[in-house]
Amino acid sequence: MKVAVLSFAHMHALSYADAVQKSGVDLIISDFDEARGRDMASQFHTPYVKDYHDVLADDDIDAVIVCSENANHAQMVIDAAEAGKHVLCEKPLATTVEDARRMIKACEQAGVKLQTAFPIRYSTPVQRLKHLIESGSVGRILAMSGTNRGQNPGGWFVDPALSGGGAVFDHTVHILDIMRWYTGSEVTEVYAEVDSRFGEGGIDDCGLLTLTFANGVIATHDPSWSRPKSFPTWGDVTLRVIGTGGVVTVDALAQSLVHYDDTDLRVRRVPWGDDADLHMVQSFLDCVRYDTQPLATGVDGMKAVEVALAAYESARTKRPVQLPNC
């Protein structure tokens, strides 16, 4: 197989490219930012192509991983589908629900896979809780709370024209996806408080969402960029599930060492456990090889975008927003 990473605008592209090579698959790098692209190609000892259209025209390329700015996902995915390439697309899948629908339709018509990059589904603690829920150990889920608090990444992430939104858009999609996965139900109502309180940049960096699911489950989520630069890690991914059979808390990033470094007087949390990005990329490659369904589809990505955008509408109108139960 040959897989191309299209753009290193998103920081996760580095991890995904590493996962491709660890999986024994040939890697191609494409990036309109030539300096960045050549630097990545040198780091991975692999060919560099500036224009991704030239990559898509290569019949030897089986699949692509899209890691561009959020606003560019739709066109790149549609172009890849029309070229017959399977696609793993970084989250959020798109900046509008309509764009997400167009991406899904293009991939369906072309007969190619479209997987949304939700690596948290591949975290062992997160999967263990999924198994507990399916086994009935937790009973009927009554409520959930989640956090995905991190640091403001800056750059294009704070430019709404490229990102589609700030912390609420960036960090709601991960936890919302897991909540949908756990409950097997869709969000029918969103109420959100959204603000900018932790820094400058003119974009939201904090929020609190209250969600109601079609099956009656209620949930809250904190997606804020509330971690300071000095914080020992970029953020967290936690979930608390309250069921009739018990309460379970999961921390997807708890497997880490605390490293005190005298050279620059920093404290860091160094992960030692699961590599969810690697598991996700390998799962995507298996979908391509064996013609199986991705664990997180384009529809899953679209549903997460829908809820995040509803949160912004709720914050703007100061009222709950109803979503279709479908």
C-alpha atoms as a PDB file:
ATOM      1  CA  MET A   1       0.000   0.000   0.000  1.00  0.00           C
ATOM      2  CA  LYS A   2       0.883   3.650  -0.415  1.00  0.00           C
ATOM      3  CA  VAL A   3      -0.678   6.356   1.744  1.00  0.00           C
ATOM      4  CA  ALA A   4      -0.261  10.112   1.442  1.00  0.00           C
ATOM      5  CA  VAL A   5      -0.623  12.632   4.251  1.00  0.00           C
ATOM      6  CA  LEU A   6      -2.166  15.753   2.746  1.00  0.00           C
ATOM      7  CA  SER A   7      -0.977  18.792   4.723  1.00  0.00           C
ATOM      8  CA  PHE A   8       0.762  19.049   8.088  1.00  0.00           C
ATOM      9  CA  ALA A   9      -1.301  22.057   9.159  1.00  0.00           C
ATOM     10  CA  HIS A  10      -2.770  20.019  12.008  1.00  0.00           C
ATOM     11  CA  MET A  11      -0.348  18.831  14.684  1.00  0.00           C
ATOM     12  CA  HIS A  12      -1.766  15.291  14.615  1.00  0.00           C
ATOM     13  CA  ALA A  13      -0.408  14.806  11.088  1.00  0.00           C
ATOM     14  CA  LEU A  14       3.010  14.092  12.590  1.00  0.00           C
ATOM     15  CA  SER A  15       1.655  11.224  14.678  1.00  0.00           C
ATOM     16  CA  TYR A  16      -0.425   9.828  11.801  1.00  0.00           C
ATOM     17  CA  ALA A  17       2.544   9.849   9.425  1.00  0.00           C
ATOM     18  CA  ASP A  18       4.609   8.037  12.041  1.00  0.00           C
ATOM     19  CA  ALA A  19       1.813   5.479  12.430  1.00  0.00           C
ATOM     20  CA  VAL A  20       1.710   4.860   8.665  1.00  0.00           C
ATOM     21  CA  GLN A  21       5.412   4.039   8.599  1.00  0.00           C
ATOM     22  CA  LYS A  22       5.197   1.911  11.756  1.00  0.00           C
ATOM     23  CA  SER A  23       2.508  -0.090   9.950  1.00  0.00           C
ATOM     24  CA  GLY A  24       4.944  -0.934   7.144  1.00  0.00           C
ATOM     25  CA  VAL A  25       3.142   1.187   4.563  1.00  0.00           C
ATOM     26  CA  ASP A  26       4.843   3.487   2.065  1.00  0.00           C
ATOM     27  CA  LEU A  27       4.353   7.155   2.949  1.00  0.00           C
ATOM     28  CA  ILE A  28       4.088  10.190   0.673  1.00  0.00           C
ATOM     29  CA  ILE A  29       3.931  13.745   2.023  1.00  0.00           C
ATOM     30  CA  SER A  30       2.109  16.625   0.362  1.00  0.00           C
ATOM     31  CA  ASP A  31       1.847  20.156   1.711  1.00  0.00           C
ATOM     32  CA  PHE A  32       1.287  23.507   0.004  1.00  0.00           C
ATOM     33  CA  ASP A  33       3.587  24.969   2.669  1.00  0.00           C
ATOM     34  CA  GLU A  34       6.775  23.898   0.904  1.00  0.00           C
ATOM     35  CA  ALA A  35       9.158  24.561   3.794  1.00  0.00           C
ATOM     36  CA  ARG A  36       6.995  22.565   6.183  1.00  0.00           C
ATOM     37  CA  GLY A  37       6.399  19.812   3.662  1.00  0.00           C
ATOM     38  CA  ARG A  38      10.062  19.367   2.812  1.00  0.00           C
ATOM     39  CA  ASP A  39      10.968  19.395   6.493  1.00  0.00           C
ATOM     40  CA  MET A  40       8.470  16.602   7.177  1.00  0.00           C
ATOM     41  CA  ALA A  41       9.614  14.634   4.131  1.00  0.00           C
ATOM     42  CA  SER A  42      13.200  14.886   5.364  1.00  0.00           C
ATOM     43  CA  GLN A  43      12.184  13.803   8.861  1.00  0.00           C
ATOM     44  CA  PHE A  44      10.336  10.733   7.542  1.00  0.00           C
ATOM     45  CA  HIS A  45      12.796  10.041   4.693  1.00  0.00           C
ATOM     46  CA  THR A  46       9.979   9.950   2.161  1.00  0.00           C
ATOM     47  CA  PRO A  47       9.035  11.780  -1.064  1.00  0.00           C
ATOM     48  CA  TYR A  48       7.491  15.241  -1.003  1.00  0.00           C
ATOM     49  CA  VAL A  49       4.891  16.558  -3.469  1.00  0.00           C
ATOM     50  CA  LYS A  50       3.759  20.167  -3.140  1.00  0.00           C
ATOM     51  CA  ASP A  51       0.368  19.999  -4.898  1.00  0.00           C
ATOM     52  CA  TYR A  52      -1.974  17.353  -3.491  1.00  0.00           C
ATOM     53  CA  HIS A  53      -3.724  17.113  -6.867  1.00  0.00           C
ATOM     54  CA  ASP A  54      -0.555  15.531  -8.233  1.00  0.00           C
ATOM     55  CA  VAL A  55      -0.731  12.961  -5.430  1.00  0.00           C
ATOM     56  CA  LEU A  56      -4.353  12.175  -6.252  1.00  0.00           C
ATOM     57  CA  ALA A  57      -3.403  11.628  -9.907  1.00  0.00           C
ATOM     58  CA  ASP A  58      -0.958   8.884  -8.876  1.00  0.00           C
ATOM     59  CA  ASP A  59      -2.599   5.488  -9.407  1.00  0.00           C
ATOM     60  CA  ASP A  60      -0.206   3.888  -6.897  1.00  0.00           C
ATOM     61  CA  ILE A  61      -1.673   5.875  -3.999  1.00  0.00           C
ATOM     62  CA  ASP A  62      -4.367   3.841  -2.229  1.00  0.00           C
ATOM     63  CA  ALA A  63      -5.487   6.237   0.486  1.00  0.00           C
ATOM     64  CA  VAL A  64      -4.923   9.693   1.932  1.00  0.00           C
ATOM     65  CA  ILE A  65      -4.985  11.247   5.388  1.00  0.00           C
ATOM     66  CA  VAL A  66      -6.295  14.825   5.332  1.00  0.00           C
ATOM     67  CA  CYS A  67      -4.780  17.040   8.030  1.00  0.00           C
ATOM     68  CA  SER A  68      -5.291  20.492   6.546  1.00  0.00           C
ATOM     69  CA  GLU A  69      -7.015  23.447   8.182  1.00  0.00           C
ATOM     70  CA  ASN A  70     -10.628  22.547   8.998  1.00  0.00           C
ATOM     71  CA  ALA A  71     -12.066  24.816   6.308  1.00  0.00           C
ATOM     72  CA  ASN A  72     -10.086  22.944   3.621  1.00  0.00           C
ATOM     73  CA  HIS A  73     -11.207  19.438   4.618  1.00  0.00           C
ATOM     74  CA  ALA A  74     -14.297  19.361   2.406  1.00  0.00           C
ATOM     75  CA  GLN A  75     -12.638  20.158  -0.909  1.00  0.00           C
ATOM     76  CA  MET A  76      -9.656  17.912  -0.285  1.00  0.00           C
ATOM     77  CA  VAL A  77     -11.842  14.957   0.731  1.00  0.00           C
ATOM     78  CA  ILE A  78     -14.161  15.415  -2.248  1.00  0.00           C
ATOM     79  CA  ASP A  79     -11.174  15.667  -4.604  1.00  0.00           C
ATOM     80  CA  ALA A  80      -9.694  12.508  -3.077  1.00  0.00           C
ATOM     81  CA  ALA A  81     -12.986  10.631  -3.432  1.00  0.00           C
ATOM     82  CA  GLU A  82     -13.331  11.618  -7.062  1.00  0.00           C
ATOM     83  CA  ALA A  83      -9.800  10.316  -7.618  1.00  0.00           C
ATOM     84  CA  GLY A  84     -10.790   6.979  -6.063  1.00  0.00           C
ATOM     85  CA  LYS A  85      -8.736   7.347  -2.871  1.00  0.00           C
ATOM     86  CA  HIS A  86      -9.900   6.147   0.534  1.00  0.00           C
ATOM     87  CA  VAL A  87      -9.863   8.927   3.138  1.00  0.00           C
ATOM     88  CA  LEU A  88      -9.066   9.339   6.815  1.00  0.00           C
ATOM     89  CA  CYS A  89      -9.970  12.944   7.672  1.00  0.00           C
ATOM     90  CA  GLU A  90      -8.897  14.854  10.753  1.00  0.00           C
ATOM     91  CA  LYS A  91     -11.654  16.119  13.035  1.00  0.00           C
ATOM     92  CA  PRO A  92     -13.768  18.218  12.981  1.00  0.00           C
ATOM     93  CA  LEU A  93     -14.852  16.599   9.714  1.00  0.00           C
ATOM     94  CA  ALA A  94     -16.001  19.913   8.220  1.00  0.00           C
ATOM     95  CA  THR A  95     -16.928  23.445   9.274  1.00  0.00           C
ATOM     96  CA  THR A  96     -20.569  23.080   8.196  1.00  0.00           C
ATOM     97  CA  VAL A  97     -23.044  20.210   8.230  1.00  0.00           C
ATOM     98  CA  GLU A  98     -23.722  20.771   4.537  1.00  0.00           C
ATOM     99  CA  ASP A  99     -20.025  20.336   3.691  1.00  0.00           C
ATOM    100  CA  ALA A 100     -19.958  17.153   5.759  1.00  0.00           C
ATOM    101  CA  ARG A 101     -22.928  15.816   3.809  1.00  0.00           C
ATOM    102  CA  ARG A 102     -21.188  16.613   0.515  1.00  0.00           C
ATOM    103  CA  MET A 103     -18.066  14.763   1.677  1.00  0.00           C
ATOM    104  CA  ILE A 104     -20.070  11.707   2.716  1.00  0.00           C
ATOM    105  CA  LYS A 105     -22.000  11.681  -0.558  1.00  0.00           C
ATOM    106  CA  ALA A 106     -18.839  12.037  -2.669  1.00  0.00           C
ATOM    107  CA  CYS A 107     -17.208   9.074  -0.923  1.00  0.00           C
ATOM    108  CA  GLU A 108     -20.344   6.944  -1.179  1.00  0.00           C
ATOM    109  CA  GLN A 109     -20.683   7.667  -4.903  1.00  0.00           C
ATOM    110  CA  ALA A 110     -17.008   6.877  -5.483  1.00  0.00           C
ATOM    111  CA  GLY A 111     -17.182   3.680  -3.420  1.00  0.00           C
ATOM    112  CA  VAL A 112     -14.324   4.725  -1.112  1.00  0.00           C
ATOM    113  CA  LYS A 113     -14.006   4.695   2.665  1.00  0.00           C
ATOM    114  CA  LEU A 114     -14.433   7.882   4.678  1.00  0.00           C
ATOM    115  CA  GLN A 115     -13.217   7.603   8.269  1.00  0.00           C
ATOM    116  CA  THR A 116     -13.265  10.462  10.767  1.00  0.00           C
ATOM    117  CA  ALA A 117     -10.132  10.729  12.909  1.00  0.00           C
ATOM    118  CA  PHE A 118     -11.532   9.984  16.374  1.00  0.00           C
ATOM    119  CA  PRO A 119      -8.550   8.232  18.004  1.00  0.00           C
ATOM    120  CA  ILE A 120     -10.170   8.277  21.446  1.00  0.00           C
ATOM    121  CA  ARG A 121     -12.348   5.366  20.294  1.00  0.00           C
ATOM    122  CA  TYR A 122      -9.123   3.348  20.183  1.00  0.00           C
ATOM    123  CA  SER A 123      -8.030   4.153  23.744  1.00  0.00           C
ATOM    124  CA  THR A 124      -7.943   0.964  25.836  1.00  0.00           C
ATOM    125  CA  PRO A 125      -9.599   2.552  28.921  1.00  0.00           C
ATOM    126  CA  VAL A 126     -12.331   4.060  26.716  1.00  0.00           C
ATOM    127  CA  GLN A 127     -12.894   0.738  24.963  1.00  0.00           C
ATOM    128  CA  ARG A 128     -12.985  -1.101  28.291  1.00  0.00           C
ATOM    129  CA  LEU A 129     -15.826   1.121  29.482  1.00  0.00           C
ATOM    130  CA  LYS A 130     -17.607   0.485  26.173  1.00  0.00           C
ATOM    131  CA  HIS A 131     -17.382  -3.257  26.880  1.00  0.00           C
ATOM    132  CA  LEU A 132     -18.669  -2.765  30.442  1.00  0.00           C
ATOM    133  CA  ILE A 133     -21.657  -0.872  29.092  1.00  0.00           C
ATOM    134  CA  GLU A 134     -22.385  -3.512  26.451  1.00  0.00           C
ATOM    135  CA  SER A 135     -22.079  -6.317  29.019  1.00  0.00           C
ATOM    136  CA  GLY A 136     -24.719  -4.683  31.203  1.00  0.00           C
ATOM    137  CA  SER A 137     -22.353  -4.111  34.117  1.00  0.00           C
ATOM    138  CA  VAL A 138     -23.138  -0.393  34.249  1.00  0.00           C
ATOM    139  CA  GLY A 139     -26.860  -0.951  33.864  1.00  0.00           C
ATOM    140  CA  ARG A 140     -28.977   1.609  32.056  1.00  0.00           C
ATOM    141  CA  ILE A 141     -27.053   4.842  31.497  1.00  0.00           C
ATOM    142  CA  LEU A 142     -28.711   7.789  33.233  1.00  0.00           C
ATOM    143  CA  ALA A 143     -26.172  10.579  32.846  1.00  0.00           C
ATOM    144  CA  MET A 144     -22.638  11.376  31.699  1.00  0.00           C
ATOM    145  CA  SER A 145     -20.077  14.124  32.112  1.00  0.00           C
ATOM    146  CA  GLY A 146     -16.980  14.674  30.020  1.00  0.00           C
ATOM    147  CA  THR A 147     -13.997  16.971  29.677  1.00  0.00           C
ATOM    148  CA  ASN A 148     -11.561  17.697  26.888  1.00  0.00           C
ATOM    149  CA  ARG A 149      -9.678  20.641  28.323  1.00  0.00           C
ATOM    150  CA  GLY A 150      -6.465  21.718  26.647  1.00  0.00           C
ATOM    151  CA  GLN A 151      -4.212  24.577  25.673  1.00  0.00           C
ATOM    152  CA  ASN A 152      -4.953  27.198  23.052  1.00  0.00           C
ATOM    153  CA  PRO A 153      -3.001  25.929  20.013  1.00  0.00           C
ATOM    154  CA  GLY A 154      -2.846  29.375  18.371  1.00  0.00           C
ATOM    155  CA  GLY A 155      -2.114  29.808  14.662  1.00  0.00           C
ATOM    156  CA  TRP A 156      -4.956  29.038  12.293  1.00  0.00           C
ATOM    157  CA  PHE A 157      -6.937  27.451  15.149  1.00  0.00           C
ATOM    158  CA  VAL A 158      -7.865  30.972  16.326  1.00  0.00           C
ATOM    159  CA  ASP A 159      -8.859  32.133  12.829  1.00  0.00           C
ATOM    160  CA  PRO A 160     -12.584  31.322  12.439  1.00  0.00           C
ATOM    161  CA  ALA A 161     -12.306  31.445   8.642  1.00  0.00           C
ATOM    162  CA  LEU A 162      -9.943  28.457   8.749  1.00  0.00           C
ATOM    163  CA  SER A 163     -10.973  26.666  11.946  1.00  0.00           C
ATOM    164  CA  GLY A 164     -14.739  27.122  11.927  1.00  0.00           C
ATOM    165  CA  GLY A 165     -14.684  27.918  15.644  1.00  0.00           C
ATOM    166  CA  GLY A 166     -12.576  27.882  18.764  1.00  0.00           C
ATOM    167  CA  ALA A 167     -12.372  25.551  21.747  1.00  0.00           C
ATOM    168  CA  VAL A 168     -16.005  24.459  21.588  1.00  0.00           C
ATOM    169  CA  PHE A 169     -15.659  23.389  17.966  1.00  0.00           C
ATOM    170  CA  ASP A 170     -12.208  21.868  18.431  1.00  0.00           C
ATOM    171  CA  HIS A 171     -12.857  19.878  21.611  1.00  0.00           C
ATOM    172  CA  THR A 172     -16.574  19.093  21.647  1.00  0.00           C
ATOM    173  CA  VAL A 173     -16.373  16.600  18.798  1.00  0.00           C
ATOM    174  CA  HIS A 174     -14.150  14.026  20.588  1.00  0.00           C
ATOM    175  CA  ILE A 175     -16.256  13.641  23.721  1.00  0.00           C
ATOM    176  CA  LEU A 176     -19.565  13.936  21.898  1.00  0.00           C
ATOM    177  CA  ASP A 177     -18.480  11.094  19.617  1.00  0.00           C
ATOM    178  CA  ILE A 178     -17.730   8.833  22.588  1.00  0.00           C
ATOM    179  CA  MET A 179     -21.032   9.731  24.246  1.00  0.00           C
ATOM    180  CA  ARG A 180     -22.930   8.808  21.061  1.00  0.00           C
ATOM    181  CA  TRP A 181     -20.891   5.599  20.842  1.00  0.00           C
ATOM    182  CA  TYR A 182     -21.655   4.660  24.442  1.00  0.00           C
ATOM    183  CA  THR A 183     -25.363   5.433  24.334  1.00  0.00           C
ATOM    184  CA  GLY A 184     -26.195   4.421  20.765  1.00  0.00           C
ATOM    185  CA  SER A 185     -28.428   7.490  20.773  1.00  0.00           C
ATOM    186  CA  GLU A 186     -28.471  10.940  19.164  1.00  0.00           C
ATOM    187  CA  VAL A 187     -28.456  14.349  20.829  1.00  0.00           C
ATOM    188  CA  THR A 188     -31.853  16.035  20.592  1.00  0.00           C
ATOM    189  CA  GLU A 189     -31.172  19.217  22.582  1.00  0.00           C
ATOM    190  CA  VAL A 190     -28.102  21.369  23.251  1.00  0.00           C
ATOM    191  CA  TYR A 191     -27.744  24.216  25.714  1.00  0.00           C
ATOM    192  CA  ALA A 192     -24.357  25.925  25.898  1.00  0.00           C
ATOM    193  CA  GLU A 193     -22.499  28.761  27.574  1.00  0.00           C
ATOM    194  CA  VAL A 194     -19.552  29.903  25.430  1.00  0.00           C
ATOM    195  CA  ASP A 195     -17.038  32.673  26.112  1.00  0.00           C
ATOM    196  CA  SER A 196     -13.452  33.876  25.750  1.00  0.00           C
ATOM    197  CA  ARG A 197     -11.763  34.218  29.139  1.00  0.00           C
ATOM    198  CA  PHE A 198      -8.307  32.654  29.165  1.00  0.00           C
ATOM    199  CA  GLY A 199      -6.451  34.648  26.529  1.00  0.00           C
ATOM    200  CA  GLU A 200      -6.605  36.943  23.555  1.00  0.00           C
ATOM    201  CA  GLY A 201      -7.462  36.130  19.993  1.00  0.00           C
ATOM    202  CA  GLY A 202     -11.131  36.988  19.562  1.00  0.00           C
ATOM    203  CA  ILE A 203     -12.333  33.389  19.520  1.00  0.00           C
ATOM    204  CA  ASP A 204     -14.044  31.218  22.109  1.00  0.00           C
ATOM    205  CA  ASP A 205     -11.676  29.455  24.490  1.00  0.00           C
ATOM    206  CA  CYS A 206     -14.139  28.106  27.049  1.00  0.00           C
ATOM    207  CA  GLY A 207     -17.598  26.629  27.238  1.00  0.00           C
ATOM    208  CA  LEU A 208     -19.958  24.306  29.027  1.00  0.00           C
ATOM    209  CA  LEU A 209     -22.472  22.166  27.165  1.00  0.00           C
ATOM    210  CA  THR A 210     -25.580  20.426  28.489  1.00  0.00           C
ATOM    211  CA  LEU A 211     -26.863  17.686  26.190  1.00  0.00           C
ATOM    212  CA  THR A 212     -30.063  15.676  26.095  1.00  0.00           C
ATOM    213  CA  PHE A 213     -30.133  12.406  24.164  1.00  0.00           C
ATOM    214  CA  ALA A 214     -33.115  10.794  22.481  1.00  0.00           C
ATOM    215  CA  ASN A 215     -33.050   7.900  24.971  1.00  0.00           C
ATOM    216  CA  GLY A 216     -33.301  10.296  27.946  1.00  0.00           C
ATOM    217  CA  VAL A 217     -29.640  10.403  28.935  1.00  0.00           C
ATOM    218  CA  ILE A 218     -28.432  13.839  30.050  1.00  0.00           C
ATOM    219  CA  ALA A 219     -24.796  14.885  29.791  1.00  0.00           C
ATOM    220  CA  THR A 220     -22.431  17.782  30.342  1.00  0.00           C
ATOM    221  CA  HIS A 221     -19.159  18.579  28.652  1.00  0.00           C
ATOM    222  CA  ASP A 222     -16.314  21.062  29.230  1.00  0.00           C
ATOM    223  CA  PRO A 223     -14.312  21.586  25.998  1.00  0.00           C
ATOM    224  CA  SER A 224     -12.296  24.609  27.173  1.00  0.00           C
ATOM    225  CA  TRP A 225      -8.787  25.684  26.204  1.00  0.00           C
ATOM    226  CA  SER A 226      -8.221  26.379  29.897  1.00  0.00           C
ATOM    227  CA  ARG A 227      -4.745  24.900  30.391  1.00  0.00           C
ATOM    228  CA  PRO A 228      -1.913  27.459  30.734  1.00  0.00           C
ATOM    229  CA  LYS A 229       1.337  27.122  28.788  1.00  0.00           C
ATOM    230  CA  SER A 230       3.079  25.922  31.950  1.00  0.00           C
ATOM    231  CA  PHE A 231       0.659  23.022  32.437  1.00  0.00           C
ATOM    232  CA  PRO A 232       2.525  19.682  32.290  1.00  0.00           C
ATOM    233  CA  THR A 233       0.363  18.302  29.464  1.00  0.00           C
ATOM    234  CA  TRP A 234      -1.761  19.731  26.667  1.00  0.00           C
ATOM    235  CA  GLY A 235      -5.041  18.617  28.210  1.00  0.00           C
ATOM    236  CA  ASP A 236      -7.255  15.731  29.174  1.00  0.00           C
ATOM    237  CA  VAL A 237      -9.963  13.366  27.997  1.00  0.00           C
ATOM    238  CA  THR A 238     -12.187  12.183  30.836  1.00  0.00           C
ATOM    239  CA  LEU A 239     -15.646  10.655  31.045  1.00  0.00           C
ATOM    240  CA  ARG A 240     -17.929   9.784  33.961  1.00  0.00           C
ATOM    241  CA  VAL A 241     -20.828   7.460  33.236  1.00  0.00           C
ATOM    242  CA  ILE A 242     -23.634   7.146  35.766  1.00  0.00           C
ATOM    243  CA  GLY A 243     -25.759   4.041  35.343  1.00  0.00           C
ATOM    244  CA  THR A 244     -28.328   2.101  37.306  1.00  0.00           C
ATOM    245  CA  GLY A 245     -25.624  -0.491  37.994  1.00  0.00           C
ATOM    246  CA  GLY A 246     -22.847   1.836  39.086  1.00  0.00           C
ATOM    247  CA  VAL A 247     -20.682   4.829  38.313  1.00  0.00           C
ATOM    248  CA  VAL A 248     -17.552   4.481  36.160  1.00  0.00           C
ATOM    249  CA  THR A 249     -14.886   7.117  35.517  1.00  0.00           C
ATOM    250  CA  VAL A 250     -12.384   6.815  32.688  1.00  0.00           C
ATOM    251  CA  ASP A 251      -9.285   8.923  31.999  1.00  0.00           C
ATOM    252  CA  ALA A 252      -7.960   8.245  28.507  1.00  0.00           C
ATOM    253  CA  LEU A 253      -4.598   9.935  29.129  1.00  0.00           C
ATOM    254  CA  ALA A 254      -3.771   8.791  32.653  1.00  0.00           C
ATOM    255  CA  GLN A 255      -0.967   6.459  31.560  1.00  0.00           C
ATOM    256  CA  SER A 256       1.899   8.919  31.941  1.00  0.00           C
ATOM    257  CA  LEU A 257       5.004   9.652  33.961  1.00  0.00           C
ATOM    258  CA  VAL A 258       5.641  12.969  35.696  1.00  0.00           C
ATOM    259  CA  HIS A 259       9.008  14.257  34.491  1.00  0.00           C
ATOM    260  CA  TYR A 260      10.787  17.008  36.455  1.00  0.00           C
ATOM    261  CA  ASP A 261      13.433  18.542  34.195  1.00  0.00           C
ATOM    262  CA  ASP A 262      16.194  20.678  35.723  1.00  0.00           C
ATOM    263  CA  THR A 263      17.523  21.743  32.306  1.00  0.00           C
ATOM    264  CA  ASP A 264      14.602  24.078  31.609  1.00  0.00           C
ATOM    265  CA  LEU A 265      12.797  23.899  34.972  1.00  0.00           C
ATOM    266  CA  ARG A 266       9.700  22.314  33.453  1.00  0.00           C
ATOM    267  CA  VAL A 267       7.370  19.610  34.671  1.00  0.00           C
ATOM    268  CA  ARG A 268       5.943  17.362  31.972  1.00  0.00           C
ATOM    269  CA  ARG A 269       3.633  14.388  31.787  1.00  0.00           C
ATOM    270  CA  VAL A 270       5.241  11.864  29.452  1.00  0.00           C
ATOM    271  CA  PRO A 271       2.822   9.235  28.070  1.00  0.00           C
ATOM    272  CA  TRP A 272       3.892   5.607  28.316  1.00  0.00           C
ATOM    273  CA  GLY A 273       0.715   3.683  27.558  1.00  0.00           C
ATOM    274  CA  ASP A 274      -1.514   3.261  24.527  1.00  0.00           C
ATOM    275  CA  ASP A 275      -0.827   4.866  21.179  1.00  0.00           C
ATOM    276  CA  ALA A 276      -4.416   5.506  20.122  1.00  0.00           C
ATOM    277  CA  ASP A 277      -3.280   7.293  16.944  1.00  0.00           C
ATOM    278  CA  LEU A 278      -1.352   4.200  15.868  1.00  0.00           C
ATOM    279  CA  HIS A 279      -4.319   1.905  16.550  1.00  0.00           C
ATOM    280  CA  MET A 280      -6.629   4.240  14.633  1.00  0.00           C
ATOM    281  CA  VAL A 281      -4.381   4.459  11.569  1.00  0.00           C
ATOM    282  CA  GLN A 282      -3.865   0.695  11.550  1.00  0.00           C
ATOM    283  CA  SER A 283      -7.630   0.206  11.751  1.00  0.00           C
ATOM    284  CA  PHE A 284      -8.092   2.550   8.786  1.00  0.00           C
ATOM    285  CA  LEU A 285      -5.495   0.650   6.767  1.00  0.00           C
ATOM    286  CA  ASP A 286      -7.283  -2.620   7.567  1.00  0.00           C
ATOM    287  CA  CYS A 287     -10.572  -1.118   6.349  1.00  0.00           C
ATOM    288  CA  VAL A 288      -8.897  -0.365   3.030  1.00  0.00           C
ATOM    289  CA  ARG A 289      -7.225  -3.783   2.803  1.00  0.00           C
ATOM    290  CA  TYR A 290     -10.234  -5.881   3.765  1.00  0.00           C
ATOM    291  CA  ASP A 291     -13.115  -3.665   2.640  1.00  0.00           C
ATOM    292  CA  THR A 292     -14.603  -3.280   6.107  1.00  0.00           C
ATOM    293  CA  GLN A 293     -16.515  -0.446   7.745  1.00  0.00           C
ATOM    294  CA  PRO A 294     -14.541   2.192   9.720  1.00  0.00           C
ATOM    295  CA  LEU A 295     -15.161   2.311  13.456  1.00  0.00           C
ATOM    296  CA  ALA A 296     -15.862   6.059  13.159  1.00  0.00           C
ATOM    297  CA  THR A 297     -17.514   6.932   9.860  1.00  0.00           C
ATOM    298  CA  GLY A 298     -18.137  10.169   8.026  1.00  0.00           C
ATOM    299  CA  VAL A 299     -21.636  10.197   9.495  1.00  0.00           C
ATOM    300  CA  ASP A 300     -20.138  10.021  12.992  1.00  0.00           C
ATOM    301  CA  GLY A 301     -17.999  13.019  12.116  1.00  0.00           C
ATOM    302  CA  MET A 302     -20.988  14.926  10.753  1.00  0.00           C
ATOM    303  CA  LYS A 303     -23.075  14.280  13.882  1.00  0.00           C
ATOM    304  CA  ALA A 304     -20.302  15.668  16.083  1.00  0.00           C
ATOM    305  CA  VAL A 305     -20.055  18.797  13.928  1.00  0.00           C
ATOM    306  CA  GLU A 306     -23.833  19.237  14.121  1.00  0.00           C
ATOM    307  CA  VAL A 307     -23.790  19.279  17.930  1.00  0.00           C
ATOM    308  CA  ALA A 308     -20.795  21.639  18.139  1.00  0.00           C
ATOM    309  CA  LEU A 309     -22.468  24.128  15.797  1.00  0.00           C
ATOM    310  CA  ALA A 310     -25.718  23.835  17.765  1.00  0.00           C
ATOM    311  CA  ALA A 311     -23.733  24.795  20.874  1.00  0.00           C
ATOM    312  CA  TYR A 312     -22.694  28.042  19.204  1.00  0.00           C
ATOM    313  CA  GLU A 313     -26.289  28.756  18.190  1.00  0.00           C
ATOM    314  CA  SER A 314     -27.451  28.110  21.743  1.00  0.00           C
ATOM    315  CA  ALA A 315     -24.814  30.447  23.162  1.00  0.00           C
ATOM    316  CA  ARG A 316     -25.781  33.133  20.648  1.00  0.00           C
ATOM    317  CA  THR A 317     -29.527  32.906  21.277  1.00  0.00           C
ATOM    318  CA  LYS A 318     -29.196  32.034  24.986  1.00  0.00           C
ATOM    319  CA  ARG A 319     -31.752  29.277  24.450  1.00  0.00           C
ATOM    320  CA  PRO A 320     -31.656  25.487  24.066  1.00  0.00           C
ATOM    321  CA  VAL A 321     -31.368  24.307  20.459  1.00  0.00           C
ATOM    322  CA  GLN A 322     -33.418  21.344  19.264  1.00  0.00           C
ATOM    323  CA  LEU A 323     -31.837  18.811  16.895  1.00  0.00           C
ATOM    324  CA  PRO A 324     -33.683  16.287  14.733  1.00  0.00           C
ATOM    325  CA  ASN A 325     -33.862  12.814  16.263  1.00  0.00           C
ATOM    326  CA  CYS A 326     -32.317  10.937  13.364  1.00  0.00           C
END
